C-alpha atoms as a PDB file:
ATOM      1  CA  MET A   1      39.934  59.965  30.737  1.00  0.00           C
ATOM      2  CA  LYS A   2      37.680  60.112  33.675  1.00  0.00           C
ATOM      3  CA  LEU A   3      34.910  57.217  33.760  1.00  0.00           C
ATOM      4  CA  GLU A   4      32.076  57.636  36.142  1.00  0.00           C
ATOM      5  CA  ASN A   5      28.552  55.942  34.574  1.00  0.00           C
ATOM      6  CA  VAL A   6      29.381  52.435  35.921  1.00  0.00           C
ATOM      7  CA  ILE A   7      27.019  49.500  34.352  1.00  0.00           C
ATOM      8  CA  THR A   8      28.414  46.732  36.082  1.00  0.00           C
ATOM      9  CA  SER A   9      31.186  45.004  37.620  1.00  0.00           C
ATOM     10  CA  ARG A  10      32.679  41.883  36.580  1.00  0.00           C
ATOM     11  CA  SER A  11      35.515  39.588  37.657  1.00  0.00           C
ATOM     12  CA  HIS A  12      38.366  41.763  36.759  1.00  0.00           C
ATOM     13  CA  LYS A  13      36.732  44.317  34.536  1.00  0.00           C
ATOM     14  CA  MET A  14      34.357  47.285  35.151  1.00  0.00           C
ATOM     15  CA  ILE A  15      31.918  48.501  31.916  1.00  0.00           C
ATOM     16  CA  TYR A  16      31.147  51.907  31.665  1.00  0.00           C
ATOM     17  CA  GLN A  17      28.774  53.591  29.403  1.00  0.00           C
ATOM     18  CA  SER A  18      30.371  56.606  27.803  1.00  0.00           C
ATOM     19  CA  GLY A  19      27.829  58.782  25.448  1.00  0.00           C
ATOM     20  CA  ASP A  20      27.151  56.330  22.784  1.00  0.00           C
ATOM     21  CA  THR A  21      29.966  53.829  23.488  1.00  0.00           C
ATOM     22  CA  ILE A  22      30.585  51.076  26.034  1.00  0.00           C
ATOM     23  CA  ILE A  23      34.019  51.051  27.935  1.00  0.00           C
ATOM     24  CA  LYS A  24      35.050  47.507  28.915  1.00  0.00           C
ATOM     25  CA  LEU A  25      38.227  48.513  31.673  1.00  0.00           C
ATOM     26  CA  PHE A  26      40.290  46.065  32.702  1.00  0.00           C
ATOM     27  CA  ASP A  27      42.133  45.876  35.881  1.00  0.00           C
ATOM     28  CA  GLU A  28      45.907  46.328  35.694  1.00  0.00           C
ATOM     29  CA  ASN A  29      47.314  43.111  36.022  1.00  0.00           C
ATOM     30  CA  TYR A  30      44.831  41.527  33.580  1.00  0.00           C
ATOM     31  CA  PRO A  31      46.930  39.852  30.453  1.00  0.00           C
ATOM     32  CA  LYS A  32      47.106  41.879  27.403  1.00  0.00           C
ATOM     33  CA  SER A  33      46.902  39.184  25.451  1.00  0.00           C
ATOM     34  CA  ASP A  34      43.552  38.072  26.764  1.00  0.00           C
ATOM     35  CA  VAL A  35      42.183  41.614  26.145  1.00  0.00           C
ATOM     36  CA  LEU A  36      43.511  41.276  22.437  1.00  0.00           C
ATOM     37  CA  ASN A  37      42.397  38.265  21.642  1.00  0.00           C
ATOM     38  CA  GLU A  38      39.034  39.410  23.176  1.00  0.00           C
ATOM     39  CA  ALA A  39      38.644  41.850  20.959  1.00  0.00           C
ATOM     40  CA  LEU A  40      39.990  39.900  18.014  1.00  0.00           C
ATOM     41  CA  ASN A  41      37.223  37.343  18.506  1.00  0.00           C
ATOM     42  CA  GLN A  42      34.587  40.379  18.654  1.00  0.00           C
ATOM     43  CA  SER A  43      35.672  41.278  15.290  1.00  0.00           C
ATOM     44  CA  ARG A  44      36.108  38.219  13.814  1.00  0.00           C
ATOM     45  CA  VAL A  45      32.470  37.704  14.768  1.00  0.00           C
ATOM     46  CA  GLU A  46      31.296  41.079  13.707  1.00  0.00           C
ATOM     47  CA  GLU A  47      32.252  39.755  10.067  1.00  0.00           C
ATOM     48  CA  THR A  48      29.755  37.049   9.839  1.00  0.00           C
ATOM     49  CA  GLY A  49      26.987  39.934   9.810  1.00  0.00           C
ATOM     50  CA  LEU A  50      25.374  38.743  13.142  1.00  0.00           C
ATOM     51  CA  ASN A  51      23.739  41.646  15.289  1.00  0.00           C
ATOM     52  CA  ILE A  52      26.717  42.709  17.920  1.00  0.00           C
ATOM     53  CA  PRO A  53      28.220  46.221  18.927  1.00  0.00           C
ATOM     54  CA  ASN A  54      30.948  47.027  16.444  1.00  0.00           C
ATOM     55  CA  ILE A  55      34.403  47.613  18.217  1.00  0.00           C
ATOM     56  CA  ILE A  56      35.739  50.899  17.888  1.00  0.00           C
ATOM     57  CA  GLU A  57      39.028  50.735  19.438  1.00  0.00           C
ATOM     58  CA  VAL A  58      41.675  48.960  21.893  1.00  0.00           C
ATOM     59  CA  SER A  59      43.299  51.455  23.902  1.00  0.00           C
ATOM     60  CA  LYS A  60      44.855  52.483  27.259  1.00  0.00           C
ATOM     61  CA  ILE A  61      43.498  54.335  29.840  1.00  0.00           C
ATOM     62  CA  ASP A  62      45.264  55.224  33.149  1.00  0.00           C
ATOM     63  CA  GLY A  63      47.459  52.374  32.208  1.00  0.00           C
ATOM     64  CA  LYS A  64      44.929  49.997  32.140  1.00  0.00           C
ATOM     65  CA  TRP A  65      43.396  48.408  29.025  1.00  0.00           C
ATOM     66  CA  ALA A  66      39.921  48.827  27.604  1.00  0.00           C
ATOM     67  CA  ILE A  67      38.126  48.042  24.516  1.00  0.00           C
ATOM     68  CA  THR A  68      35.580  50.589  23.202  1.00  0.00           C
ATOM     69  CA  MET A  69      32.421  49.453  21.209  1.00  0.00           C
ATOM     70  CA  GLU A  70      28.887  50.996  20.482  1.00  0.00           C
ATOM     71  CA  HIS A  71      26.580  51.182  23.046  1.00  0.00           C
ATOM     72  CA  ILE A  72      23.195  49.332  21.993  1.00  0.00           C
ATOM     73  CA  GLU A  73      20.305  50.729  23.929  1.00  0.00           C
ATOM     74  CA  GLY A  74      18.083  48.185  25.734  1.00  0.00           C
ATOM     75  CA  LYS A  75      17.009  45.626  27.969  1.00  0.00           C
ATOM     76  CA  THR A  76      18.798  42.225  28.223  1.00  0.00           C
ATOM     77  CA  LEU A  77      16.375  39.212  27.763  1.00  0.00           C
ATOM     78  CA  ALA A  78      16.851  38.150  31.519  1.00  0.00           C
ATOM     79  CA  GLU A  79      15.514  41.352  32.524  1.00  0.00           C
ATOM     80  CA  LEU A  80      12.777  41.001  30.465  1.00  0.00           C
ATOM     81  CA  MET A  81      12.163  37.410  31.530  1.00  0.00           C
ATOM     82  CA  LYS A  82      12.177  39.045  34.906  1.00  0.00           C
ATOM     83  CA  GLU A  83       9.961  41.394  34.569  1.00  0.00           C
ATOM     84  CA  ASN A  84       7.344  39.575  32.283  1.00  0.00           C
ATOM     85  CA  PRO A  85       7.235  35.917  33.713  1.00  0.00           C
ATOM     86  CA  LYS A  86       4.277  34.989  31.899  1.00  0.00           C
ATOM     87  CA  ASP A  87       5.867  35.832  28.380  1.00  0.00           C
ATOM     88  CA  ILE A  88       9.097  33.306  29.745  1.00  0.00           C
ATOM     89  CA  ASP A  89       7.914  31.107  26.412  1.00  0.00           C
ATOM     90  CA  LYS A  90       8.141  33.977  24.313  1.00  0.00           C
ATOM     91  CA  TYR A  91      11.400  34.908  25.487  1.00  0.00           C
ATOM     92  CA  LEU A  92      12.776  31.215  25.066  1.00  0.00           C
ATOM     93  CA  GLU A  93      11.801  30.983  21.454  1.00  0.00           C
ATOM     94  CA  GLN A  94      13.620  34.357  21.106  1.00  0.00           C
ATOM     95  CA  PHE A  95      16.985  33.066  22.772  1.00  0.00           C
ATOM     96  CA  VAL A  96      17.339  29.582  20.932  1.00  0.00           C
ATOM     97  CA  SER A  97      16.459  31.561  17.610  1.00  0.00           C
ATOM     98  CA  LEU A  98      19.117  33.721  18.131  1.00  0.00           C
ATOM     99  CA  GLN A  99      21.261  30.735  19.187  1.00  0.00           C
ATOM    100  CA  VAL A 100      20.497  28.760  16.287  1.00  0.00           C
ATOM    101  CA  GLU A 101      21.646  31.940  13.703  1.00  0.00           C
ATOM    102  CA  ILE A 102      24.717  31.724  15.646  1.00  0.00           C
ATOM    103  CA  HIS A 103      25.561  28.214  14.696  1.00  0.00           C
ATOM    104  CA  SER A 104      24.663  28.861  10.995  1.00  0.00           C
ATOM    105  CA  LYS A 105      28.036  31.293  10.852  1.00  0.00           C
ATOM    106  CA  ARG A 106      31.606  30.438  10.050  1.00  0.00           C
ATOM    107  CA  ALA A 107      34.343  32.120  11.032  1.00  0.00           C
ATOM    108  CA  PRO A 108      37.487  30.151  10.291  1.00  0.00           C
ATOM    109  CA  LEU A 109      40.157  31.955  12.168  1.00  0.00           C
ATOM    110  CA  LEU A 110      38.575  32.156  15.551  1.00  0.00           C
ATOM    111  CA  ASN A 111      40.310  29.472  17.906  1.00  0.00           C
ATOM    112  CA  ARG A 112      38.984  26.038  18.064  1.00  0.00           C
ATOM    113  CA  GLN A 113      36.406  24.506  20.437  1.00  0.00           C
ATOM    114  CA  LYS A 114      38.368  21.408  21.226  1.00  0.00           C
ATOM    115  CA  ASP A 115      41.549  22.973  21.793  1.00  0.00           C
ATOM    116  CA  LYS A 116      40.175  25.342  24.291  1.00  0.00           C
ATOM    117  CA  PHE A 117      38.364  22.178  25.858  1.00  0.00           C
ATOM    118  CA  ILE A 118      41.811  19.876  26.255  1.00  0.00           C
ATOM    119  CA  ARG A 119      43.894  22.797  27.735  1.00  0.00           C
ATOM    120  CA  LYS A 120      41.042  23.371  30.268  1.00  0.00           C
ATOM    121  CA  ILE A 121      40.727  19.739  31.134  1.00  0.00           C
ATOM    122  CA  LYS A 122      44.094  19.216  31.349  1.00  0.00           C
ATOM    123  CA  ASP A 123      44.794  21.788  33.998  1.00  0.00           C
ATOM    124  CA  LEU A 124      41.710  20.593  36.359  1.00  0.00           C
ATOM    125  CA  LYS A 125      43.495  19.989  39.521  1.00  0.00           C
ATOM    126  CA  ASP A 126      40.443  18.649  41.507  1.00  0.00           C
ATOM    127  CA  ILE A 127      39.666  15.735  39.867  1.00  0.00           C
ATOM    128  CA  ASP A 128      41.754  12.499  39.273  1.00  0.00           C
ATOM    129  CA  ALA A 129      44.218  11.567  36.393  1.00  0.00           C
ATOM    130  CA  SER A 130      42.233   8.638  35.401  1.00  0.00           C
ATOM    131  CA  THR A 131      38.789  11.025  35.322  1.00  0.00           C
ATOM    132  CA  ARG A 132      40.662  13.192  33.220  1.00  0.00           C
ATOM    133  CA  TYR A 133      41.780  10.575  30.709  1.00  0.00           C
ATOM    134  CA  GLU A 134      38.132   9.558  30.368  1.00  0.00           C
ATOM    135  CA  LEU A 135      37.027  13.302  29.447  1.00  0.00           C
ATOM    136  CA  LEU A 136      40.004  13.688  26.838  1.00  0.00           C
ATOM    137  CA  THR A 137      39.244  10.566  25.351  1.00  0.00           C
ATOM    138  CA  ARG A 138      35.492  10.954  25.037  1.00  0.00           C
ATOM    139  CA  LEU A 139      36.297  14.685  23.460  1.00  0.00           C
ATOM    140  CA  ASP A 140      38.579  13.048  21.024  1.00  0.00           C
ATOM    141  CA  GLY A 141      35.676  11.133  20.008  1.00  0.00           C
ATOM    142  CA  MET A 142      32.827  13.683  19.290  1.00  0.00           C
ATOM    143  CA  PRO A 143      32.549  15.217  16.184  1.00  0.00           C
ATOM    144  CA  LYS A 144      34.769  17.903  15.167  1.00  0.00           C
ATOM    145  CA  HIS A 145      32.719  20.712  13.641  1.00  0.00           C
ATOM    146  CA  SER A 146      33.332  24.659  12.542  1.00  0.00           C
ATOM    147  CA  LYS A 147      30.069  26.709  13.500  1.00  0.00           C
ATOM    148  CA  VAL A 148      30.328  29.645  15.718  1.00  0.00           C
ATOM    149  CA  CYS A 149      30.197  29.101  18.773  1.00  0.00           C
ATOM    150  CA  HIS A 150      29.051  32.389  21.590  1.00  0.00           C
ATOM    151  CA  GLY A 151      30.608  29.887  24.533  1.00  0.00           C
ATOM    152  CA  ASP A 152      28.384  31.791  27.408  1.00  0.00           C
ATOM    153  CA  PHE A 153      25.312  32.419  25.727  1.00  0.00           C
ATOM    154  CA  ASN A 154      22.664  33.221  28.352  1.00  0.00           C
ATOM    155  CA  PRO A 155      20.045  35.572  28.509  1.00  0.00           C
ATOM    156  CA  SER A 156      21.976  38.361  30.312  1.00  0.00           C
ATOM    157  CA  ASN A 157      24.256  38.334  26.956  1.00  0.00           C
ATOM    158  CA  ILE A 158      21.365  39.475  24.893  1.00  0.00           C
ATOM    159  CA  ILE A 159      20.105  43.129  24.660  1.00  0.00           C
ATOM    160  CA  VAL A 160      16.429  43.628  22.918  1.00  0.00           C
ATOM    161  CA  SER A 161      16.442  46.956  21.765  1.00  0.00           C
ATOM    162  CA  ASN A 162      14.224  49.115  19.003  1.00  0.00           C
ATOM    163  CA  LYS A 163      16.431  47.626  16.324  1.00  0.00           C
ATOM    164  CA  GLY A 164      16.163  44.375  17.050  1.00  0.00           C
ATOM    165  CA  SER A 165      18.575  42.213  19.526  1.00  0.00           C
ATOM    166  CA  TYR A 166      22.173  42.587  19.902  1.00  0.00           C
ATOM    167  CA  ILE A 167      24.343  39.887  21.324  1.00  0.00           C
ATOM    168  CA  ILE A 168      27.285  41.110  23.238  1.00  0.00           C
ATOM    169  CA  ASP A 169      30.217  39.549  25.114  1.00  0.00           C
ATOM    170  CA  TRP A 170      32.452  37.302  22.844  1.00  0.00           C
ATOM    171  CA  SER A 171      35.246  36.740  24.753  1.00  0.00           C
ATOM    172  CA  HIS A 172      34.725  32.916  25.175  1.00  0.00           C
ATOM    173  CA  ALA A 173      33.875  32.730  21.242  1.00  0.00           C
ATOM    174  CA  THR A 174      35.244  29.623  19.293  1.00  0.00           C
ATOM    175  CA  GLN A 175      34.202  27.317  15.987  1.00  0.00           C
ATOM    176  CA  GLY A 176      33.182  24.012  17.327  1.00  0.00           C
ATOM    177  CA  ASN A 177      30.124  21.856  17.658  1.00  0.00           C
ATOM    178  CA  SER A 178      26.977  23.920  18.712  1.00  0.00           C
ATOM    179  CA  SER A 179      25.890  20.622  20.831  1.00  0.00           C
ATOM    180  CA  ALA A 180      28.816  21.573  23.074  1.00  0.00           C
ATOM    181  CA  ASP A 181      27.499  25.106  22.662  1.00  0.00           C
ATOM    182  CA  ALA A 182      24.357  24.012  24.111  1.00  0.00           C
ATOM    183  CA  ALA A 183      25.101  22.006  26.949  1.00  0.00           C
ATOM    184  CA  ARG A 184      26.914  24.884  28.487  1.00  0.00           C
ATOM    185  CA  THR A 185      24.184  26.844  28.248  1.00  0.00           C
ATOM    186  CA  TYR A 186      21.511  24.478  29.464  1.00  0.00           C
ATOM    187  CA  LEU A 187      24.480  24.440  32.500  1.00  0.00           C
ATOM    188  CA  LEU A 188      23.896  27.707  33.303  1.00  0.00           C
ATOM    189  CA  PHE A 189      20.189  27.673  33.096  1.00  0.00           C
ATOM    190  CA  ALA A 190      20.155  24.336  35.266  1.00  0.00           C
ATOM    191  CA  LEU A 191      22.712  26.207  37.783  1.00  0.00           C
ATOM    192  CA  GLN A 192      19.381  28.669  38.865  1.00  0.00           C
ATOM    193  CA  ASN A 193      16.458  26.642  37.420  1.00  0.00           C
ATOM    194  CA  GLU A 194      16.200  23.435  36.368  1.00  0.00           C
ATOM    195  CA  ASP A 195      13.019  23.353  34.782  1.00  0.00           C
ATOM    196  CA  LEU A 196      13.635  26.365  32.656  1.00  0.00           C
ATOM    197  CA  ALA A 197      16.861  24.464  31.881  1.00  0.00           C
ATOM    198  CA  LYS A 198      15.011  21.054  30.841  1.00  0.00           C
ATOM    199  CA  LYS A 199      12.773  23.642  28.507  1.00  0.00           C
ATOM    200  CA  TYR A 200      15.426  25.287  27.383  1.00  0.00           C
ATOM    201  CA  MET A 201      17.242  22.027  25.868  1.00  0.00           C
ATOM    202  CA  LYS A 202      14.125  20.593  24.630  1.00  0.00           C
ATOM    203  CA  LEU A 203      13.463  23.567  22.759  1.00  0.00           C
ATOM    204  CA  PHE A 204      17.036  23.938  21.140  1.00  0.00           C
ATOM    205  CA  CYS A 205      16.963  19.948  20.174  1.00  0.00           C
ATOM    206  CA  LYS A 206      13.691  20.505  18.377  1.00  0.00           C
ATOM    207  CA  LYS A 207      14.533  23.997  16.518  1.00  0.00           C
ATOM    208  CA  SER A 208      18.251  22.469  15.534  1.00  0.00           C
ATOM    209  CA  ASP A 209      17.074  18.996  14.875  1.00  0.00           C
ATOM    210  CA  ILE A 210      19.574  17.600  16.899  1.00  0.00           C
ATOM    211  CA  ALA A 211      19.251  14.571  19.138  1.00  0.00           C
ATOM    212  CA  LEU A 212      18.640  15.417  22.791  1.00  0.00           C
ATOM    213  CA  GLN A 213      20.995  12.446  23.709  1.00  0.00           C
ATOM    214  CA  TYR A 214      23.712  13.744  21.485  1.00  0.00           C
ATOM    215  CA  VAL A 215      23.638  17.210  23.516  1.00  0.00           C
ATOM    216  CA  GLN A 216      23.409  14.966  26.674  1.00  0.00           C
ATOM    217  CA  ASN A 217      26.935  13.633  25.639  1.00  0.00           C
ATOM    218  CA  TRP A 218      28.399  16.886  26.017  1.00  0.00           C
ATOM    219  CA  LEU A 219      27.666  17.552  29.658  1.00  0.00           C
ATOM    220  CA  PRO A 220      30.149  16.061  31.250  1.00  0.00           C
ATOM    221  CA  ILE A 221      33.134  17.545  28.755  1.00  0.00           C
ATOM    222  CA  VAL A 222      31.195  20.754  29.563  1.00  0.00           C
ATOM    223  CA  ALA A 223      30.846  20.725  33.328  1.00  0.00           C
ATOM    224  CA  ALA A 224      34.873  19.756  33.207  1.00  0.00           C
ATOM    225  CA  THR A 225      35.665  22.642  31.468  1.00  0.00           C
ATOM    226  CA  GLN A 226      33.214  25.216  33.411  1.00  0.00           C
ATOM    227  CA  LEU A 227      34.982  23.612  36.998  1.00  0.00           C
ATOM    228  CA  GLY A 228      38.251  25.173  35.706  1.00  0.00           C
ATOM    229  CA  LYS A 229      36.806  28.432  36.784  1.00  0.00           C
ATOM    230  CA  GLU A 230      36.669  27.423  40.145  1.00  0.00           C
ATOM    231  CA  ASN A 231      33.642  29.127  41.418  1.00  0.00           C
ATOM    232  CA  PRO A 232      32.541  27.269  44.715  1.00  0.00           C
ATOM    233  CA  SER A 233      29.421  28.090  44.529  1.00  0.00           C
ATOM    234  CA  GLU A 234      28.895  26.226  41.189  1.00  0.00           C
ATOM    235  CA  LYS A 235      31.590  22.980  42.180  1.00  0.00           C
ATOM    236  CA  GLU A 236      29.217  20.709  43.802  1.00  0.00           C
ATOM    237  CA  PHE A 237      26.694  21.025  41.198  1.00  0.00           C
ATOM    238  CA  LEU A 238      29.082  20.771  38.221  1.00  0.00           C
ATOM    239  CA  THR A 239      31.011  17.838  39.856  1.00  0.00           C
ATOM    240  CA  LYS A 240      28.101  15.489  39.585  1.00  0.00           C
ATOM    241  CA  TRP A 241      28.292  15.795  35.883  1.00  0.00           C
ATOM    242  CA  LEU A 242      31.255  14.459  35.608  1.00  0.00           C
ATOM    243  CA  ASP A 243      30.101  11.074  35.321  1.00  0.00           C
ATOM    244  CA  ILE A 244      30.998  10.133  32.077  1.00  0.00           C
ATOM    245  CA  PHE A 245      29.122   6.897  32.021  1.00  0.00           C
ATOM    246  CA  GLU A 246      26.091   8.923  32.419  1.00  0.00           C
ATOM    247  CA  TYR A 247      24.643   8.986  28.991  1.00  0.00           C
ATOM    248  CA  GLN A 248      26.365   5.984  27.274  1.00  0.00           C
END
């Protein structure tokens, strides 16, 4: 099978459009278990009734694992925000409403967020054992929830079409605490635009009726898990959030 229409290139994968489908093609050395887990995550989220692209098949193309799903025609919310800055408040409202809708769903077979966070914090090599211990202690004390959490919710993962808004890229999906999911979204915004991040946080807390301080308590934990990606451009920014006493 010859793939030519490249939509985007990401770490360890290429995204192609082929007719009315999208094909996510992974590198040869990408773990099979991660590919199958991503497809399983998305399939489980499909069952909640959320507006997401349906998976069509998991296969191998030229010796590489691939996930094929339906193509949604439209622009990402990130593109619309960039093209229409005067409408940023409207788009942010739409963005937060979608996130709150995600958190209203349940998918009991998804991996547990807290288990994933524990693994990521334990694997961190750039922070000392005492800091890891304090982060794990804080994590252990946080309330255990079972809400669907996207894990990488940002405007580039929303496609706005004439049929509505579709949420894509469910590779990091878990069931857990919605405030942890919001803390991650806040950090993703803050890496680009701190003012927009603050506006997002305020709107999320209002729409979800969750105290700002409660979401902030997740920031050190979530920043630590993001450090595990070992992105040099993010390291300094994320490290400053590791002061686990900042919001106590």
